[in-house]
Protein backbone atom coordinates (compact mmCIF):
# COMPACT_ATOMS: atom_id res chain seq x y z
CA UNK A 1 131.74 -48.41 -23.56
CA UNK A 2 129.95 -45.37 -21.50
CA UNK A 3 129.27 -42.32 -22.68
CA UNK A 4 127.11 -38.86 -20.42
CA UNK A 5 125.69 -36.11 -21.88
CA UNK A 6 125.36 -33.07 -20.23
CA UNK A 7 121.74 -33.42 -19.47
CA UNK A 8 118.56 -31.00 -20.48
CA UNK A 9 116.51 -31.78 -17.66
CA UNK A 10 113.52 -29.41 -18.77
CA UNK A 11 113.74 -31.18 -22.80
CA UNK A 12 111.09 -33.14 -23.38
CA UNK A 13 110.82 -36.34 -26.14
CA UNK A 14 108.62 -35.91 -29.03
CA UNK A 15 107.61 -39.70 -28.45
CA UNK A 16 105.96 -40.06 -32.12
CA UNK A 17 109.48 -38.76 -33.74
CA UNK A 18 111.52 -40.40 -31.46
CA UNK A 19 109.23 -43.81 -32.62
CA UNK A 20 109.91 -42.43 -36.15
CA UNK A 21 113.32 -42.04 -36.25
CA UNK A 22 113.93 -45.67 -34.70
CA UNK A 23 111.72 -47.25 -37.46
CA UNK A 24 113.61 -45.33 -39.80
CA UNK A 25 116.93 -47.57 -38.63
CA UNK A 26 116.62 -50.84 -40.62
CA UNK A 27 117.63 -52.94 -37.85
CA UNK A 28 116.49 -56.58 -38.71
CA UNK A 29 117.61 -59.04 -36.12
CA UNK A 30 120.83 -59.23 -35.35
CA UNK A 31 121.58 -55.87 -36.88
CA UNK A 32 121.71 -52.65 -34.90
CA UNK A 33 121.79 -50.06 -37.93
CA UNK A 34 121.99 -47.06 -35.66
CA UNK A 35 118.70 -47.49 -33.48
CA UNK A 36 120.43 -47.96 -30.19
CA UNK A 37 122.79 -44.54 -31.50
CA UNK A 38 119.33 -42.72 -31.24
CA UNK A 39 118.42 -44.12 -28.06
CA UNK A 40 122.14 -43.03 -26.78
CA UNK A 41 121.72 -39.53 -27.94
CA UNK A 42 118.13 -38.95 -26.86
CA UNK A 43 118.87 -40.78 -23.29
CA UNK A 44 122.48 -38.85 -22.81
CA UNK A 45 120.17 -35.49 -23.43
CA UNK A 46 118.14 -36.23 -20.50
CA UNK A 47 121.07 -37.32 -18.35
CA UNK A 48 121.39 -41.03 -18.62
CA UNK A 49 124.59 -43.09 -18.59
CA UNK A 50 124.86 -44.66 -21.53
CA UNK A 51 126.70 -48.37 -21.56
CA UNK A 52 127.19 -49.56 -25.06
CA UNK A 53 128.03 -53.64 -24.79
CA UNK A 54 128.61 -55.74 -26.96
CA UNK A 55 128.24 -59.88 -26.67
CA UNK A 56 128.86 -62.58 -29.30
CA UNK A 57 129.11 -66.57 -29.41
CA UNK A 58 132.74 -68.62 -29.69
CA UNK A 59 134.01 -69.24 -33.01
CA UNK A 60 131.22 -66.34 -34.38
CA UNK A 61 132.24 -64.17 -37.69
CA UNK A 62 131.22 -61.81 -39.71
CA UNK A 63 129.11 -58.31 -39.63
CA UNK A 64 126.75 -59.85 -36.98
CA UNK A 65 128.85 -61.57 -34.93
CA UNK A 66 128.87 -59.04 -32.03
CA UNK A 67 125.60 -57.88 -31.03
CA UNK A 68 125.17 -54.18 -29.90
CA UNK A 69 123.03 -53.39 -26.41
CA UNK A 70 122.39 -50.73 -24.23
CA UNK A 71 122.08 -50.16 -20.95
CA UNK A 72 121.21 -46.56 -19.29
CA UNK A 73 120.60 -45.47 -15.58
CA UNK A 74 120.05 -42.50 -14.39
CA UNK A 75 120.72 -41.90 -10.34
CA UNK A 76 122.73 -43.78 -8.17
CA UNK A 77 120.04 -44.85 -5.48
CA UNK A 78 117.97 -47.72 -4.96
CA UNK A 79 115.58 -48.87 -5.82
CA UNK A 80 116.34 -48.92 -9.74
CA UNK A 81 113.41 -48.72 -11.76
CA UNK A 82 114.18 -50.76 -15.12
CA UNK A 83 112.32 -50.46 -18.64
CA UNK A 84 113.48 -53.26 -21.16
CA UNK A 85 112.98 -53.84 -24.02
CA UNK A 86 114.21 -54.91 -27.63
CA UNK A 87 115.01 -52.87 -30.80
CA UNK A 88 115.71 -55.58 -33.15
CA UNK A 89 112.37 -56.37 -35.49
CA UNK A 90 111.84 -59.49 -37.60
CA UNK A 91 112.46 -59.13 -41.55
CA UNK A 92 109.73 -57.29 -43.64
CA UNK A 93 108.71 -60.29 -45.55
CA UNK A 94 107.90 -59.59 -49.33
CA UNK A 95 107.95 -56.01 -49.76
CA UNK A 96 104.96 -55.34 -52.23
CA UNK A 97 102.48 -56.97 -48.55
CA UNK A 98 103.25 -53.58 -47.32
CA UNK A 99 101.27 -50.58 -48.73
CA UNK A 100 103.69 -47.81 -46.60
CA UNK A 101 107.80 -48.61 -46.60
CA UNK A 102 108.27 -50.73 -43.56
CA UNK A 103 111.21 -48.42 -42.36
CA UNK A 104 109.72 -45.17 -43.56
CA UNK A 105 108.44 -44.20 -40.21
CA UNK A 106 105.41 -42.63 -42.31
CA UNK A 107 102.27 -41.36 -40.41
CA UNK A 108 98.74 -41.32 -42.44
CA UNK A 109 95.43 -40.43 -40.86
CA UNK A 110 96.58 -40.83 -37.29
CA UNK A 111 98.82 -44.01 -37.55
CA UNK A 112 102.50 -44.78 -37.48
CA UNK A 113 103.75 -47.48 -39.99
CA UNK A 114 106.34 -49.62 -39.81
CA UNK A 115 108.34 -52.79 -38.58
CA UNK A 116 108.51 -52.17 -35.02
CA UNK A 117 105.87 -49.52 -34.67
CA UNK A 118 104.24 -52.49 -32.52
CA UNK A 119 106.94 -54.79 -31.50
CA UNK A 120 108.42 -52.44 -29.72
CA UNK A 121 109.85 -49.57 -30.78
CA UNK A 122 106.73 -47.51 -30.33
CA UNK A 123 107.18 -49.23 -26.61
CA UNK A 124 110.75 -47.71 -26.25
CA UNK A 125 110.14 -44.24 -27.72
CA UNK A 126 107.02 -43.42 -24.81
CA UNK A 127 108.97 -44.85 -21.87
CA UNK A 128 111.60 -42.22 -23.16
CA UNK A 129 109.07 -39.59 -23.73
CA UNK A 130 108.15 -40.57 -20.16
CA UNK A 131 111.13 -40.43 -18.81
CA UNK A 132 111.54 -36.65 -20.01
CA UNK A 133 108.45 -35.69 -17.92
CA UNK A 134 109.24 -37.92 -14.69
CA UNK A 135 112.71 -36.54 -14.44
CA UNK A 136 111.27 -32.99 -15.33
CA UNK A 137 108.58 -33.19 -12.52
CA UNK A 138 111.06 -32.51 -9.78
CA UNK A 139 109.71 -35.93 -8.36
CA UNK A 140 112.06 -37.25 -5.80
CA UNK A 141 113.21 -41.19 -7.07
CA UNK A 142 115.70 -43.68 -6.57
CA UNK A 143 117.13 -44.72 -10.41
CA UNK A 144 116.04 -45.01 -13.49
CA UNK A 145 117.65 -47.63 -16.01
CA UNK A 146 116.57 -48.96 -19.52
CA UNK A 147 118.03 -52.37 -20.68
CA UNK A 148 117.78 -52.48 -24.89
CA UNK A 149 118.96 -55.23 -26.53
CA UNK A 150 119.27 -55.76 -30.03
CA UNK A 151 118.71 -59.56 -30.18
CA UNK A 152 115.33 -60.68 -28.95
CA UNK A 153 113.87 -61.76 -31.94
CA UNK A 154 116.71 -64.36 -33.31
CA UNK A 155 118.65 -66.50 -30.77
CA UNK A 156 118.51 -64.08 -27.88
CA UNK A 157 122.17 -65.73 -26.75
CA UNK A 158 124.21 -61.82 -26.90
CA UNK A 159 121.53 -60.20 -25.45
CA UNK A 160 119.40 -59.65 -22.17
CA UNK A 161 120.80 -62.60 -20.97
CA UNK A 162 124.41 -61.31 -21.05
CA UNK A 163 123.13 -57.69 -20.19
CA UNK A 164 122.19 -59.55 -17.35
CA UNK A 165 125.42 -61.11 -16.32
CA UNK A 166 127.69 -57.98 -16.93
CA UNK A 167 125.34 -56.56 -14.37
CA UNK A 168 126.16 -59.06 -11.65
CA UNK A 169 129.78 -58.80 -12.44
CA UNK A 170 129.30 -55.29 -12.30
CA UNK A 171 127.70 -55.30 -8.86
CA UNK A 172 124.40 -53.15 -10.79
CA UNK A 173 121.46 -54.32 -9.51
CA UNK A 174 117.97 -53.33 -10.89
CA UNK A 175 115.38 -54.17 -8.26
CA UNK A 176 111.65 -54.17 -10.61
CA UNK A 177 111.77 -54.34 -14.63
CA UNK A 178 108.31 -53.34 -16.60
CA UNK A 179 109.03 -54.90 -20.70
CA UNK A 180 107.48 -52.79 -23.25
CA UNK A 181 106.26 -56.13 -25.31
CA UNK A 182 102.93 -55.22 -27.27
CA UNK A 183 100.55 -57.07 -24.58
CA UNK A 184 97.19 -55.83 -25.51
CA UNK A 185 95.28 -57.50 -27.87
CA UNK A 186 92.44 -55.32 -29.01
CA UNK A 187 92.80 -52.15 -26.89
CA UNK A 188 95.43 -49.90 -25.40
CA UNK A 189 94.94 -51.02 -21.18
CA UNK A 190 93.09 -54.67 -22.18
CA UNK A 191 96.04 -56.80 -20.93
CA UNK A 192 99.59 -56.70 -18.88
CA UNK A 193 101.33 -59.63 -18.72
CA UNK A 194 102.93 -61.11 -15.42
CA UNK A 195 104.20 -64.34 -16.22
CA UNK A 196 105.14 -66.64 -19.06
CA UNK A 197 104.74 -70.15 -20.16
CA UNK A 198 107.76 -72.51 -20.28
CA UNK A 199 108.83 -73.61 -23.82
CA UNK A 200 110.35 -76.87 -24.90
CA UNK A 201 111.02 -78.00 -28.70
CA UNK A 202 111.56 -81.61 -28.95
CA UNK A 203 112.95 -83.72 -32.26
CA UNK A 204 111.53 -87.30 -31.92
CA UNK A 205 113.05 -90.25 -33.66
CA UNK A 206 112.68 -93.56 -34.81
CA UNK A 207 114.85 -95.43 -36.50
CA UNK A 208 114.03 -98.95 -38.95
CA UNK A 209 116.19 -100.73 -41.83
CA UNK A 210 115.37 -99.60 -45.15
CA UNK A 211 113.35 -101.69 -48.04
CA UNK A 212 111.30 -102.76 -50.98
CA UNK A 213 107.44 -102.36 -50.04
CA UNK A 214 106.78 -105.53 -52.10
CA UNK A 215 109.05 -107.33 -49.67
CA UNK A 216 108.13 -105.72 -46.05
CA UNK A 217 109.20 -108.84 -44.27
CA UNK A 218 113.28 -107.91 -45.15
CA UNK A 219 112.79 -104.44 -43.87
CA UNK A 220 111.71 -102.56 -40.35
CA UNK A 221 109.09 -99.32 -41.26
CA UNK A 222 109.76 -97.01 -38.82
CA UNK A 223 106.50 -94.72 -39.57
CA UNK A 224 104.08 -97.38 -37.43
CA UNK A 225 106.25 -96.67 -34.64
CA UNK A 226 106.70 -93.04 -35.02
CA UNK A 227 102.32 -92.52 -35.59
CA UNK A 228 101.89 -95.05 -32.14
CA UNK A 229 104.86 -92.86 -30.27
CA UNK A 230 102.97 -89.03 -31.71
CA UNK A 231 99.56 -90.78 -30.65
CA UNK A 232 100.62 -91.83 -26.86
CA UNK A 233 102.09 -87.91 -26.83
CA UNK A 234 98.66 -86.70 -27.49
CA UNK A 235 96.55 -88.76 -25.82
CA UNK A 236 96.25 -86.90 -22.91
CA UNK A 237 97.47 -83.54 -21.60
CA UNK A 238 100.77 -82.93 -19.19
CA UNK A 239 98.59 -81.11 -16.58
CA UNK A 240 95.34 -79.76 -15.39
CA UNK A 241 97.23 -75.92 -15.60
CA UNK A 242 97.44 -73.93 -11.96
CA UNK A 243 96.39 -70.34 -10.89
CA UNK A 244 97.12 -67.69 -13.60
CA UNK A 245 97.98 -70.55 -15.90
CA UNK A 246 96.18 -72.15 -19.17
CA UNK A 247 96.96 -76.47 -19.06
CA UNK A 248 100.59 -77.05 -20.57
CA UNK A 249 100.04 -77.88 -24.53
CA UNK A 250 102.19 -79.94 -26.93
CA UNK A 251 101.88 -79.21 -30.70
CA UNK A 252 103.31 -81.51 -33.70
CA UNK A 253 105.19 -79.20 -35.90
CA UNK A 254 106.41 -81.44 -38.78
CA UNK A 255 106.15 -84.79 -39.45
CA UNK A 256 108.51 -85.86 -41.57
CA UNK A 257 110.58 -88.92 -43.37
CA UNK A 258 112.47 -87.71 -46.19
CA UNK A 259 111.16 -89.95 -48.66
CA UNK A 260 109.79 -89.24 -51.87
CA UNK A 261 110.20 -92.51 -53.69
CA UNK A 262 106.83 -94.64 -53.64
CA UNK A 263 108.11 -98.22 -53.77
CA UNK A 264 110.44 -97.57 -50.90
CA UNK A 265 110.39 -98.23 -46.79
CA UNK A 266 112.67 -95.34 -44.92
CA UNK A 267 115.04 -96.45 -42.56
CA UNK A 268 113.95 -93.47 -40.29
CA UNK A 269 111.15 -91.32 -39.31
CA UNK A 270 111.21 -87.86 -37.33
CA UNK A 271 108.85 -85.94 -35.75
CA UNK A 272 109.17 -82.16 -33.85
CA UNK A 273 106.71 -80.38 -31.56
CA UNK A 274 106.84 -77.97 -28.91
CA UNK A 275 105.45 -77.80 -25.63
CA UNK A 276 104.31 -74.37 -23.82
CA UNK A 277 104.07 -75.95 -20.29
CA UNK A 278 102.83 -74.00 -16.92
CA UNK A 279 104.59 -74.03 -13.57
CA UNK A 280 102.90 -77.57 -13.20
CA UNK A 281 105.89 -79.20 -14.84
CA UNK A 282 109.49 -77.95 -14.35
CA UNK A 283 111.84 -79.53 -17.34
CA UNK A 284 112.78 -82.40 -15.56
CA UNK A 285 109.33 -83.25 -14.38
CA UNK A 286 107.95 -82.57 -17.88
CA UNK A 287 110.68 -84.26 -19.53
CA UNK A 288 109.71 -87.44 -17.36
CA UNK A 289 106.31 -86.99 -18.43
CA UNK A 290 107.36 -86.73 -22.17
CA UNK A 291 109.41 -89.83 -22.02
CA UNK A 292 106.57 -92.14 -19.60
CA UNK A 293 104.30 -91.80 -22.75
CA UNK A 294 106.71 -92.90 -25.45
CA UNK A 295 108.17 -95.62 -23.06
CA UNK A 296 103.72 -96.64 -22.35
CA UNK A 297 104.60 -97.57 -26.49
CA UNK A 298 108.03 -98.39 -27.44
CA UNK A 299 110.45 -98.45 -24.69
CA UNK A 300 114.41 -97.56 -25.71
CA UNK A 301 113.26 -97.75 -29.52
CA UNK A 302 113.34 -94.25 -30.34
CA UNK A 303 115.38 -90.95 -29.65
CA UNK A 304 114.53 -87.80 -28.35
CA UNK A 305 116.13 -84.27 -28.09
CA UNK A 306 114.82 -81.63 -26.55
CA UNK A 307 115.63 -77.73 -26.76
CA UNK A 308 114.73 -75.66 -23.95
CA UNK A 309 114.25 -72.08 -24.71
CA UNK A 310 113.50 -70.94 -21.12
CA UNK A 311 110.93 -72.15 -17.98
CA UNK A 312 107.57 -70.60 -16.76
CA UNK A 313 107.43 -67.96 -14.37
CA UNK A 314 104.98 -65.83 -12.46
CA UNK A 315 105.09 -62.62 -10.90
CA UNK A 316 103.22 -63.03 -7.99
CA UNK A 317 100.50 -59.90 -7.41
CA UNK A 318 102.08 -57.22 -5.77
CA UNK A 319 103.47 -53.98 -5.11
CA UNK A 320 104.97 -53.89 -9.02
CA UNK A 321 101.72 -55.65 -10.44
CA UNK A 322 99.25 -52.90 -8.29
CA UNK A 323 101.14 -50.19 -9.47
CA UNK A 324 100.95 -51.28 -13.04
CA UNK A 325 97.50 -52.00 -12.87
CA UNK A 326 96.57 -48.96 -11.21
CA UNK A 327 98.40 -46.43 -13.80
CA UNK A 328 96.68 -48.29 -16.78
CA UNK A 329 93.55 -48.39 -15.16
CA UNK A 330 93.88 -44.21 -14.34
CA UNK A 331 95.00 -43.46 -17.43
CA UNK A 332 92.90 -46.13 -20.08
CA UNK A 333 90.13 -46.16 -17.73
CA UNK A 334 90.46 -50.16 -18.34
CA UNK A 335 91.09 -52.98 -15.55
CA UNK A 336 94.03 -54.89 -17.16
CA UNK A 337 93.49 -58.60 -17.31
CA UNK A 338 96.64 -60.45 -15.50
CA UNK A 339 97.77 -62.69 -18.22
CA UNK A 340 100.15 -65.77 -18.91
CA UNK A 341 99.51 -66.26 -22.15
CA UNK A 342 101.17 -65.54 -25.69
CA UNK A 343 104.95 -66.53 -26.50
CA UNK A 344 107.84 -66.35 -24.84
CA UNK A 345 109.69 -62.79 -23.94
CA UNK A 346 113.21 -61.61 -22.95
CA UNK A 347 111.15 -61.36 -19.01
CA UNK A 348 111.91 -65.08 -18.96
CA UNK A 349 115.59 -64.00 -17.95
CA UNK A 350 114.98 -61.13 -16.31
CA UNK A 351 112.28 -62.76 -13.69
CA UNK A 352 115.98 -64.58 -12.14
CA UNK A 353 116.94 -61.07 -11.16
CA UNK A 354 113.84 -59.36 -9.88
CA UNK A 355 109.72 -59.14 -10.37
CA UNK A 356 108.98 -58.47 -14.17
CA UNK A 357 105.50 -57.62 -15.52
CA UNK A 358 104.54 -56.58 -19.51
CA UNK A 359 102.90 -53.97 -20.95
CA UNK A 360 103.29 -52.15 -24.23
CA UNK A 361 100.89 -51.63 -27.32
CA UNK A 362 98.57 -53.35 -29.07
CA UNK A 363 99.88 -56.32 -30.95
CA UNK A 364 97.66 -57.61 -33.48
CA UNK A 365 99.81 -56.46 -36.58
CA UNK A 366 103.06 -57.12 -34.73
CA UNK A 367 105.26 -59.13 -37.17
CA UNK A 368 102.82 -58.58 -40.01
CA UNK A 369 102.99 -56.01 -43.47
CA UNK A 370 101.59 -53.27 -42.40
CA UNK A 371 102.58 -53.59 -38.63
CA UNK A 372 101.37 -50.39 -36.73
CA UNK A 373 100.55 -48.38 -33.65
CA UNK A 374 97.87 -45.68 -33.23
CA UNK A 375 99.56 -42.30 -32.72
CA UNK A 376 96.51 -41.57 -29.64
CA UNK A 377 98.02 -45.10 -28.46
CA UNK A 378 101.36 -43.98 -28.58
CA UNK A 379 101.02 -41.03 -26.51
CA UNK A 380 98.51 -42.55 -24.42
CA UNK A 381 101.24 -44.91 -23.44
CA UNK A 382 103.78 -42.52 -22.48
CA UNK A 383 101.07 -41.20 -19.69
CA UNK A 384 100.45 -44.92 -18.76
CA UNK A 385 104.37 -44.85 -18.22
CA UNK A 386 104.69 -42.09 -16.75
CA UNK A 387 101.67 -42.94 -14.51
CA UNK A 388 103.76 -46.12 -13.40
CA UNK A 389 107.21 -44.40 -12.96
CA UNK A 390 104.83 -41.58 -10.49
CA UNK A 391 102.94 -44.31 -8.13
CA UNK A 392 106.39 -46.82 -8.27
CA UNK A 393 108.37 -44.38 -6.44
CA UNK A 394 105.45 -42.63 -4.64
CA UNK A 395 105.32 -46.15 -2.69
CA UNK A 396 108.31 -47.44 -2.83
CA UNK A 397 110.64 -44.40 -1.57
CA UNK A 398 114.78 -44.58 -1.39
CA UNK A 399 117.18 -46.36 0.83
CA UNK A 400 120.38 -45.22 1.80
CA UNK A 401 119.25 -41.57 1.51
CA UNK A 402 120.93 -41.38 -2.16
CA UNK A 403 117.56 -40.62 -3.75
CA UNK A 404 118.61 -38.44 -7.56
CA UNK A 405 115.91 -35.52 -8.19
CA UNK A 406 114.57 -34.08 -11.05
CA UNK A 407 116.62 -31.05 -11.37
């Protein structure tokens, strides 16, 4: 479904009011709760053509079987500058840990509180406000678009990756992308992300024979073998890291035998782990490294299952990274560190299509009780995003003579 509302090119968007309205939509993943409708209305008033895209996995049922997404675009020319984000949020957790209603959009003493204030409804509101100012300036541009998903915080199967597939099938192209994740550790302007480590979850299972602890000769205890296998995995780092990336890291997340009886040798022991890996490894080479570590100890006597979340990637320093860094420095006075630290984001999908950089608010309260963003930071983020749009289109120009121009 697509829609376009008659544009009001000189209409300004209040980023604080838009952020508060979005926070008041309790869009706990993967529910939409009206959040995308709020954006569709705001963007339609600016002249964007908006398309609501719903995707689901075969065989799923219930109210959340179809996940809502939004793709909005203004202009018909190239380049197409895309902003990507998500309106779904994690659950608020125990309500008594919050000082404010997590879905109240409450502002107090210069702070906006609520689930999604930092991650990342604040960033989305800031970019929409930046668009309203940029479009009203009359500067030439190719196209500006937004890819907003309702499925980032959970499985990420019916969100950005599906929208990108839809775009490919409909000959819709984006040339660069800015993701509004909260990249700054302490202060706005501290950090931008130019890549991410890959992630894989592993489950290691060892089988034995159950028996009585007093008769070990009649049983086969799998626990010592599991301990030896884990010791081998932890005995060396997968690599030494590469430019822009710290060394890959393996962390144990659980060890379990499912045995609550003290006089029984279990028949099975398993452990789970996660590896955050740098581009020194591909999925194939990392799996080979894992199996080599295990085979040194107990070849053929274990079962290894791997669940890959996304590969490591890097947007190499170039025009997009230069534009983002210059805009951040010009507005905040800080030179942002170009980092690849932290967890995964939807940038891992977008990097297969175009260069992608992440920059948003301060992330130290994301997913916590009393999640918040300083109102001053929200307003400054609008300035940063507007400067990014201005610098990008000044440096890139447009092709085919089809550039849009704000009216």
